[in-house]
PDB file of N, CA and C in Angstrom:
ATOM      1  N   MET A   1       0.793  -1.235  -0.078  1.00  0.00           N
ATOM      2  CA  MET A   1      -0.081  -0.007   0.033  1.00  0.00           C
ATOM      3  C   MET A   1       0.854   1.118  -0.020  1.00  0.00           C
ATOM      4  N   GLN A   2       0.570   2.093  -0.823  1.00  0.00           N
ATOM      5  CA  GLN A   2       1.429   3.471  -0.984  1.00  0.00           C
ATOM      6  C   GLN A   2       0.791   4.501  -0.194  1.00  0.00           C
ATOM      7  N   LYS A   3       1.659   5.190   0.719  1.00  0.00           N
ATOM      8  CA  LYS A   3       1.184   6.327   1.473  1.00  0.00           C
ATOM      9  C   LYS A   3       1.273   7.584   0.530  1.00  0.00           C
ATOM     10  N   LEU A   4       0.330   8.478   0.530  1.00  0.00           N
ATOM     11  CA  LEU A   4       0.348   9.509  -0.156  1.00  0.00           C
ATOM     12  C   LEU A   4       0.636  10.848   0.583  1.00  0.00           C
ATOM     13  N   ASN A   5       1.472  11.572   0.302  1.00  0.00           N
ATOM     14  CA  ASN A   5       1.823  12.922   0.919  1.00  0.00           C
ATOM     15  C   ASN A   5       1.361  14.152  -0.142  1.00  0.00           C
ATOM     16  N   PHE A   6       0.594  15.150   0.424  1.00  0.00           N
ATOM     17  CA  PHE A   6       0.172  16.164  -0.464  1.00  0.00           C
ATOM     18  C   PHE A   6       0.826  17.513   0.084  1.00  0.00           C
ATOM     19  N   LYS A   7       1.356  18.336  -0.781  1.00  0.00           N
ATOM     20  CA  LYS A   7       1.927  19.548  -0.454  1.00  0.00           C
ATOM     21  C   LYS A   7       0.868  20.726  -0.255  1.00  0.00           C
ATOM     22  N   ASN A   8      -0.180  20.544  -0.820  1.00  0.00           N
ATOM     23  CA  ASN A   8      -1.337  21.512  -0.642  1.00  0.00           C
ATOM     24  C   ASN A   8      -2.646  20.881  -0.829  1.00  0.00           C
ATOM     25  N   ASN A   9      -3.691  21.484  -0.430  1.00  0.00           N
ATOM     26  CA  ASN A   9      -5.143  21.039  -0.595  1.00  0.00           C
ATOM     27  C   ASN A   9      -5.492  20.964  -1.901  1.00  0.00           C
ATOM     28  N   VAL A  10      -4.995  21.591  -2.922  1.00  0.00           N
ATOM     29  CA  VAL A  10      -5.547  21.546  -4.360  1.00  0.00           C
ATOM     30  C   VAL A  10      -5.065  20.163  -4.834  1.00  0.00           C
ATOM     31  N   SER A  11      -3.934  19.743  -4.483  1.00  0.00           N
ATOM     32  CA  SER A  11      -3.394  18.362  -5.070  1.00  0.00           C
ATOM     33  C   SER A  11      -4.318  17.390  -4.485  1.00  0.00           C
ATOM     34  N   GLU A  12      -4.700  17.531  -3.275  1.00  0.00           N
ATOM     35  CA  GLU A  12      -5.424  16.595  -2.532  1.00  0.00           C
ATOM     36  C   GLU A  12      -6.852  16.335  -3.276  1.00  0.00           C
ATOM     37  N   THR A  13      -7.447  17.249  -3.790  1.00  0.00           N
ATOM     38  CA  THR A  13      -8.655  17.222  -4.542  1.00  0.00           C
ATOM     39  C   THR A  13      -8.706  16.251  -5.557  1.00  0.00           C
ATOM     40  N   LEU A  14      -7.374  15.783  -5.924  1.00  0.00           N
ATOM     41  CA  LEU A  14      -7.376  14.873  -7.232  1.00  0.00           C
ATOM     42  C   LEU A  14      -7.948  13.568  -6.849  1.00  0.00           C
ATOM     43  N   LEU A  15      -7.949  13.199  -5.588  1.00  0.00           N
ATOM     44  CA  LEU A  15      -8.473  11.955  -5.018  1.00  0.00           C
ATOM     45  C   LEU A  15      -9.855  11.916  -4.966  1.00  0.00           C
ATOM     46  N   ILE A  16     -10.616  13.129  -4.960  1.00  0.00           N
ATOM     47  CA  ILE A  16     -12.211  13.020  -4.707  1.00  0.00           C
ATOM     48  C   ILE A  16     -12.871  12.313  -5.957  1.00  0.00           C
ATOM     49  N   ASN A  17     -12.426  12.441  -7.149  1.00  0.00           N
ATOM     50  CA  ASN A  17     -12.986  11.883  -8.316  1.00  0.00           C
ATOM     51  C   ASN A  17     -12.776  10.186  -8.323  1.00  0.00           C
ATOM     52  N   VAL A  18     -11.700   9.828  -7.865  1.00  0.00           N
ATOM     53  CA  VAL A  18     -11.442   8.305  -7.959  1.00  0.00           C
ATOM     54  C   VAL A  18     -12.384   7.800  -6.749  1.00  0.00           C
ATOM     55  N   TYR A  19     -12.293   8.463  -5.698  1.00  0.00           N
ATOM     56  CA  TYR A  19     -13.043   7.890  -4.590  1.00  0.00           C
ATOM     57  C   TYR A  19     -14.764   8.016  -4.634  1.00  0.00           C
ATOM     58  N   MET A  20     -15.099   8.871  -5.279  1.00  0.00           N
ATOM     59  CA  MET A  20     -16.519   8.989  -5.673  1.00  0.00           C
ATOM     60  C   MET A  20     -16.987   7.923  -6.614  1.00  0.00           C
ATOM     61  N   ARG A  21     -15.986   7.654  -7.564  1.00  0.00           N
ATOM     62  CA  ARG A  21     -16.267   6.572  -8.618  1.00  0.00           C
ATOM     63  C   ARG A  21     -16.269   5.332  -7.842  1.00  0.00           C
ATOM     64  N   HIS A  22     -15.342   5.077  -6.882  1.00  0.00           N
ATOM     65  CA  HIS A  22     -15.342   3.999  -5.962  1.00  0.00           C
ATOM     66  C   HIS A  22     -16.557   3.771  -5.112  1.00  0.00           C
ATOM     67  N   LEU A  23     -17.137   4.985  -4.525  1.00  0.00           N
ATOM     68  CA  LEU A  23     -18.582   4.654  -3.750  1.00  0.00           C
ATOM     69  C   LEU A  23     -19.566   4.421  -4.768  1.00  0.00           C
ATOM     70  N   ASP A  24     -19.628   4.950  -5.932  1.00  0.00           N
ATOM     71  CA  ASP A  24     -20.613   4.548  -6.833  1.00  0.00           C
ATOM     72  C   ASP A  24     -20.535   3.035  -7.243  1.00  0.00           C
ATOM     73  N   PHE A  25     -19.263   2.603  -7.426  1.00  0.00           N
ATOM     74  CA  PHE A  25     -19.193   1.156  -7.728  1.00  0.00           C
ATOM     75  C   PHE A  25     -19.602   0.207  -6.585  1.00  0.00           C
ATOM     76  N   LYS A  26     -19.495   0.649  -5.358  1.00  0.00           N
ATOM     77  CA  LYS A  26     -19.988  -0.117  -4.206  1.00  0.00           C
ATOM     78  C   LYS A  26     -21.469   0.010  -3.927  1.00  0.00           C
ATOM     79  N   ASP A  27     -22.097   0.946  -4.686  1.00  0.00           N
ATOM     80  CA  ASP A  27     -23.562   0.952  -4.541  1.00  0.00           C
ATOM     81  C   ASP A  27     -24.364  -0.247  -5.266  1.00  0.00           C
ATOM     82  N   ARG A  28     -25.658  -0.512  -4.783  1.00  0.00           N
ATOM     83  CA  ARG A  28     -26.351  -1.509  -5.384  1.00  0.00           C
ATOM     84  C   ARG A  28     -26.610  -1.300  -6.912  1.00  0.00           C
ATOM     85  N   GLY A  29     -26.884   0.010  -7.156  1.00  0.00           N
ATOM     86  CA  GLY A  29     -27.165   0.350  -8.631  1.00  0.00           C
ATOM     87  C   GLY A  29     -26.248   1.379  -9.174  1.00  0.00           C
ATOM     88  N   PRO A  30     -25.001   0.932  -9.287  1.00  0.00           N
ATOM     89  CA  PRO A  30     -23.914   1.924  -9.884  1.00  0.00           C
ATOM     90  C   PRO A  30     -24.262   2.496 -11.148  1.00  0.00           C
ATOM     91  N   ILE A  31     -23.873   3.726 -11.292  1.00  0.00           N
ATOM     92  CA  ILE A  31     -24.066   4.477 -12.553  1.00  0.00           C
ATOM     93  C   ILE A  31     -22.880   4.203 -13.488  1.00  0.00           C
ATOM     94  N   LEU A  32     -21.669   4.089 -12.976  1.00  0.00           N
ATOM     95  CA  LEU A  32     -20.450   3.969 -13.687  1.00  0.00           C
ATOM     96  C   LEU A  32     -19.981   2.437 -13.735  1.00  0.00           C
ATOM     97  N   ASN A  33     -20.325   1.952 -12.562  1.00  0.00           N
ATOM     98  CA  ASN A  33     -19.680   0.401 -12.396  1.00  0.00           C
ATOM     99  C   ASN A  33     -18.141   0.390 -12.806  1.00  0.00           C
ATOM    100  N   ASP A  34     -17.372   1.006 -12.099  1.00  0.00           N
ATOM    101  CA  ASP A  34     -16.014   1.254 -12.467  1.00  0.00           C
ATOM    102  C   ASP A  34     -15.129   0.439 -11.306  1.00  0.00           C
ATOM    103  N   PRO A  35     -14.948  -0.814 -11.656  1.00  0.00           N
ATOM    104  CA  PRO A  35     -14.170  -1.638 -10.694  1.00  0.00           C
ATOM    105  C   PRO A  35     -12.640  -1.185 -10.475  1.00  0.00           C
ATOM    106  N   PHE A  36     -12.100  -0.392 -11.456  1.00  0.00           N
ATOM    107  CA  PHE A  36     -10.785  -0.081 -11.421  1.00  0.00           C
ATOM    108  C   PHE A  36     -10.616   0.877 -10.337  1.00  0.00           C
ATOM    109  N   SER A  37     -11.648   1.806 -10.202  1.00  0.00           N
ATOM    110  CA  SER A  37     -11.483   2.905  -9.130  1.00  0.00           C
ATOM    111  C   SER A  37     -11.473   2.227  -7.617  1.00  0.00           C
ATOM    112  N   SER A  38     -12.170   1.242  -7.531  1.00  0.00           N
ATOM    113  CA  SER A  38     -11.940   0.394  -6.263  1.00  0.00           C
ATOM    114  C   SER A  38     -10.635  -0.214  -6.040  1.00  0.00           C
ATOM    115  N   ALA A  39     -10.292  -0.654  -7.057  1.00  0.00           N
ATOM    116  CA  ALA A  39      -8.766  -1.301  -7.007  1.00  0.00           C
ATOM    117  C   ALA A  39      -7.885  -0.242  -6.504  1.00  0.00           C
ATOM    118  N   VAL A  40      -7.870   0.855  -7.182  1.00  0.00           N
ATOM    119  CA  VAL A  40      -7.057   2.038  -6.959  1.00  0.00           C
ATOM    120  C   VAL A  40      -7.159   2.618  -5.539  1.00  0.00           C
ATOM    121  N   VAL A  41      -8.542   2.718  -5.062  1.00  0.00           N
ATOM    122  CA  VAL A  41      -8.715   3.351  -3.803  1.00  0.00           C
ATOM    123  C   VAL A  41      -8.125   2.218  -2.788  1.00  0.00           C
ATOM    124  N   GLU A  42      -8.262   1.035  -2.974  1.00  0.00           N
ATOM    125  CA  GLU A  42      -7.886  -0.002  -1.852  1.00  0.00           C
ATOM    126  C   GLU A  42      -6.250  -0.143  -1.900  1.00  0.00           C
ATOM    127  N   GLN A  43      -5.546   0.404  -2.801  1.00  0.00           N
ATOM    128  CA  GLN A  43      -4.140   0.412  -2.780  1.00  0.00           C
ATOM    129  C   GLN A  43      -3.526   1.738  -2.278  1.00  0.00           C
ATOM    130  N   ILE A  44      -4.392   2.616  -1.992  1.00  0.00           N
ATOM    131  CA  ILE A  44      -3.711   3.953  -1.487  1.00  0.00           C
ATOM    132  C   ILE A  44      -4.013   4.011   0.003  1.00  0.00           C
ATOM    133  N   ASP A  45      -2.892   4.304   0.787  1.00  0.00           N
ATOM    134  CA  ASP A  45      -2.983   4.614   2.088  1.00  0.00           C
ATOM    135  C   ASP A  45      -3.292   6.139   2.405  1.00  0.00           C
ATOM    136  N   TYR A  46      -4.755   6.209   2.544  1.00  0.00           N
ATOM    137  CA  TYR A  46      -5.194   7.625   2.663  1.00  0.00           C
ATOM    138  C   TYR A  46      -6.484   7.596   3.370  1.00  0.00           C
ATOM    139  N   ASP A  47      -6.774   8.457   4.396  1.00  0.00           N
ATOM    140  CA  ASP A  47      -7.948   8.455   5.055  1.00  0.00           C
ATOM    141  C   ASP A  47      -9.022   9.150   4.137  1.00  0.00           C
ATOM    142  N   PHE A  48      -9.859   8.501   3.493  1.00  0.00           N
ATOM    143  CA  PHE A  48     -10.947   8.958   2.591  1.00  0.00           C
ATOM    144  C   PHE A  48     -12.210   9.203   3.249  1.00  0.00           C
ATOM    145  N   ALA A  49     -12.263   9.012   4.651  1.00  0.00           N
ATOM    146  CA  ALA A  49     -13.516   9.216   5.498  1.00  0.00           C
ATOM    147  C   ALA A  49     -13.964  10.701   5.363  1.00  0.00           C
ATOM    148  N   LYS A  50     -13.059  11.644   5.138  1.00  0.00           N
ATOM    149  CA  LYS A  50     -13.515  13.023   5.113  1.00  0.00           C
ATOM    150  C   LYS A  50     -14.397  13.278   3.822  1.00  0.00           C
ATOM    151  N   PHE A  51     -14.512  12.487   3.002  1.00  0.00           N
ATOM    152  CA  PHE A  51     -15.273  12.570   1.845  1.00  0.00           C
ATOM    153  C   PHE A  51     -16.738  11.858   1.800  1.00  0.00           C
ATOM    154  N   ASP A  52     -16.719  10.979   3.010  1.00  0.00           N
ATOM    155  CA  ASP A  52     -18.007  10.115   3.049  1.00  0.00           C
ATOM    156  C   ASP A  52     -19.304  10.755   3.090  1.00  0.00           C
ATOM    157  N   ASP A  53     -19.285  11.872   3.678  1.00  0.00           N
ATOM    158  CA  ASP A  53     -20.671  12.680   3.843  1.00  0.00           C
ATOM    159  C   ASP A  53     -21.048  13.562   2.659  1.00  0.00           C
ATOM    160  N   ALA A  54     -20.201  13.551   1.670  1.00  0.00           N
ATOM    161  CA  ALA A  54     -20.355  14.469   0.603  1.00  0.00           C
ATOM    162  C   ALA A  54     -21.120  13.837  -0.538  1.00  0.00           C
ATOM    163  N   ARG A  55     -22.479  13.754  -0.272  1.00  0.00           N
ATOM    164  CA  ARG A  55     -23.386  12.969  -1.025  1.00  0.00           C
ATOM    165  C   ARG A  55     -23.680  13.832  -2.319  1.00  0.00           C
ATOM    166  N   LEU A  56     -23.847  15.001  -2.247  1.00  0.00           N
ATOM    167  CA  LEU A  56     -24.146  15.895  -3.331  1.00  0.00           C
ATOM    168  C   LEU A  56     -22.963  15.886  -4.299  1.00  0.00           C
ATOM    169  N   SER A  57     -21.596  15.997  -3.675  1.00  0.00           N
ATOM    170  CA  SER A  57     -20.334  15.860  -4.418  1.00  0.00           C
ATOM    171  C   SER A  57     -20.255  14.729  -5.188  1.00  0.00           C
ATOM    172  N   LYS A  58     -20.635  13.511  -4.525  1.00  0.00           N
ATOM    173  CA  LYS A  58     -20.715  12.185  -5.144  1.00  0.00           C
ATOM    174  C   LYS A  58     -21.583  12.024  -6.345  1.00  0.00           C
ATOM    175  N   THR A  59     -22.873  12.560  -6.139  1.00  0.00           N
ATOM    176  CA  THR A  59     -23.663  12.640  -7.287  1.00  0.00           C
ATOM    177  C   THR A  59     -23.201  13.596  -8.412  1.00  0.00           C
ATOM    178  N   GLY A  60     -22.677  14.690  -8.059  1.00  0.00           N
ATOM    179  CA  GLY A  60     -22.307  15.610  -9.220  1.00  0.00           C
ATOM    180  C   GLY A  60     -21.155  14.880 -10.030  1.00  0.00           C
ATOM    181  N   THR A  61     -20.138  14.417  -9.196  1.00  0.00           N
ATOM    182  CA  THR A  61     -18.993  13.837  -9.818  1.00  0.00           C
ATOM    183  C   THR A  61     -19.248  12.531 -10.639  1.00  0.00           C
ATOM    184  N   VAL A  62     -20.241  11.710 -10.107  1.00  0.00           N
ATOM    185  CA  VAL A  62     -20.628  10.519 -10.871  1.00  0.00           C
ATOM    186  C   VAL A  62     -21.349  10.927 -12.242  1.00  0.00           C
ATOM    187  N   ILE A  63     -22.247  11.921 -12.007  1.00  0.00           N
ATOM    188  CA  ILE A  63     -23.046  12.246 -13.411  1.00  0.00           C
ATOM    189  C   ILE A  63     -22.087  12.837 -14.412  1.00  0.00           C
ATOM    190  N   ARG A  64     -21.021  13.780 -13.894  1.00  0.00           N
ATOM    191  CA  ARG A  64     -20.175  14.453 -14.873  1.00  0.00           C
ATOM    192  C   ARG A  64     -19.471  13.418 -15.310  1.00  0.00           C
ATOM    193  N   ALA A  65     -18.815  12.438 -14.651  1.00  0.00           N
ATOM    194  CA  ALA A  65     -18.024  11.366 -15.074  1.00  0.00           C
ATOM    195  C   ALA A  65     -18.634  10.540 -16.160  1.00  0.00           C
ATOM    196  N   LYS A  66     -20.030  10.205 -15.987  1.00  0.00           N
ATOM    197  CA  LYS A  66     -20.754   9.411 -16.813  1.00  0.00           C
ATOM    198  C   LYS A  66     -21.040  10.166 -18.095  1.00  0.00           C
ATOM    199  N   PHE A  67     -21.172  11.538 -18.123  1.00  0.00           N
ATOM    200  CA  PHE A  67     -21.183  12.405 -19.279  1.00  0.00           C
ATOM    201  C   PHE A  67     -19.950  12.255 -20.157  1.00  0.00           C
ATOM    202  N   PHE A  68     -18.727  12.393 -19.521  1.00  0.00           N
ATOM    203  CA  PHE A  68     -17.445  12.482 -20.222  1.00  0.00           C
ATOM    204  C   PHE A  68     -17.127  11.139 -20.727  1.00  0.00           C
ATOM    205  N   ASP A  69     -17.497  10.142 -19.916  1.00  0.00           N
ATOM    206  CA  ASP A  69     -17.453   8.773 -20.366  1.00  0.00           C
ATOM    207  C   ASP A  69     -18.173   8.486 -21.610  1.00  0.00           C
ATOM    208  N   ASP A  70     -19.423   8.717 -21.644  1.00  0.00           N
ATOM    209  CA  ASP A  70     -20.297   8.549 -22.786  1.00  0.00           C
ATOM    210  C   ASP A  70     -19.726   9.238 -24.130  1.00  0.00           C
ATOM    211  N   GLU A  71     -19.441  10.454 -23.814  1.00  0.00           N
ATOM    212  CA  GLU A  71     -19.061  11.308 -24.941  1.00  0.00           C
ATOM    213  C   GLU A  71     -17.659  10.828 -25.505  1.00  0.00           C
ATOM    214  N   THR A  72     -16.792  10.476 -24.598  1.00  0.00           N
ATOM    215  CA  THR A  72     -15.510   9.888 -25.054  1.00  0.00           C
ATOM    216  C   THR A  72     -15.777   8.473 -26.000  1.00  0.00           C
ATOM    217  N   LEU A  73     -16.604   7.795 -25.557  1.00  0.00           N
ATOM    218  CA  LEU A  73     -16.882   6.466 -26.213  1.00  0.00           C
ATOM    219  C   LEU A  73     -17.617   6.924 -27.513  1.00  0.00           C
ATOM    220  N   ARG A  74     -18.497   7.721 -27.597  1.00  0.00           N
ATOM    221  CA  ARG A  74     -19.179   8.355 -28.774  1.00  0.00           C
ATOM    222  C   ARG A  74     -18.299   8.887 -29.727  1.00  0.00           C
ATOM    223  N   LEU A  75     -17.378   9.654 -29.466  1.00  0.00           N
ATOM    224  CA  LEU A  75     -16.470  10.249 -30.273  1.00  0.00           C
ATOM    225  C   LEU A  75     -15.370   9.150 -30.882  1.00  0.00           C
ATOM    226  N   ALA A  76     -14.980   8.198 -30.012  1.00  0.00           N
ATOM    227  CA  ALA A  76     -14.077   7.323 -30.291  1.00  0.00           C
ATOM    228  C   ALA A  76     -14.666   6.229 -31.553  1.00  0.00           C
ATOM    229  N   ALA A  77     -16.094   6.154 -31.274  1.00  0.00           N
ATOM    230  CA  ALA A  77     -16.664   5.349 -32.397  1.00  0.00           C
ATOM    231  C   ALA A  77     -17.123   6.042 -33.703  1.00  0.00           C
ATOM    232  N   GLU A  78     -17.171   7.462 -33.637  1.00  0.00           N
ATOM    233  CA  GLU A  78     -17.536   8.198 -34.774  1.00  0.00           C
ATOM    234  C   GLU A  78     -16.315   8.508 -35.577  1.00  0.00           C
ATOM    235  N   LEU A  79     -15.139   8.835 -35.018  1.00  0.00           N
ATOM    236  CA  LEU A  79     -13.934   9.210 -35.628  1.00  0.00           C
ATOM    237  C   LEU A  79     -13.142   8.139 -36.056  1.00  0.00           C
ATOM    238  N   ASP A  80     -12.384   8.405 -37.320  1.00  0.00           N
ATOM    239  CA  ASP A  80     -11.500   7.300 -37.756  1.00  0.00           C
ATOM    240  C   ASP A  80     -10.366   7.032 -36.794  1.00  0.00           C
ATOM    241  N   ARG A  81      -9.590   8.147 -36.421  1.00  0.00           N
ATOM    242  CA  ARG A  81      -8.397   7.971 -35.611  1.00  0.00           C
ATOM    243  C   ARG A  81      -8.459   9.149 -34.469  1.00  0.00           C
ATOM    244  N   PRO A  82      -9.311   8.924 -33.469  1.00  0.00           N
ATOM    245  CA  PRO A  82      -9.325   9.796 -32.468  1.00  0.00           C
ATOM    246  C   PRO A  82      -8.067   9.833 -31.579  1.00  0.00           C
ATOM    247  N   ILE A  83      -7.952  11.050 -31.171  1.00  0.00           N
ATOM    248  CA  ILE A  83      -6.754  11.253 -30.153  1.00  0.00           C
ATOM    249  C   ILE A  83      -7.547  11.673 -28.966  1.00  0.00           C
ATOM    250  N   ILE A  84      -7.531  10.805 -27.767  1.00  0.00           N
ATOM    251  CA  ILE A  84      -8.072  11.166 -26.481  1.00  0.00           C
ATOM    252  C   ILE A  84      -7.097  11.236 -25.462  1.00  0.00           C
ATOM    253  N   VAL A  85      -7.243  12.428 -24.883  1.00  0.00           N
ATOM    254  CA  VAL A  85      -6.358  12.670 -23.778  1.00  0.00           C
ATOM    255  C   VAL A  85      -7.038  12.590 -22.498  1.00  0.00           C
TER     256      VAL A  85
END
């Protein structure tokens, strides 16, 4: 397990997205169904508990991620040689 150290609060916010995806995966009816996020969260030595009560943040994060995932898949299917970053 890898211990993470952050120099500031801004860099720490990078974990919010992966943790919210993980919480969604653990739900009975996940929107994203992202097992990779759970694998990542389980390998990081970090106290994610501070994000547990952020239900609206989870909802917003998951809906935004679903939109971008769907658009990425759509564009990848439409374009001959897409470049996706």
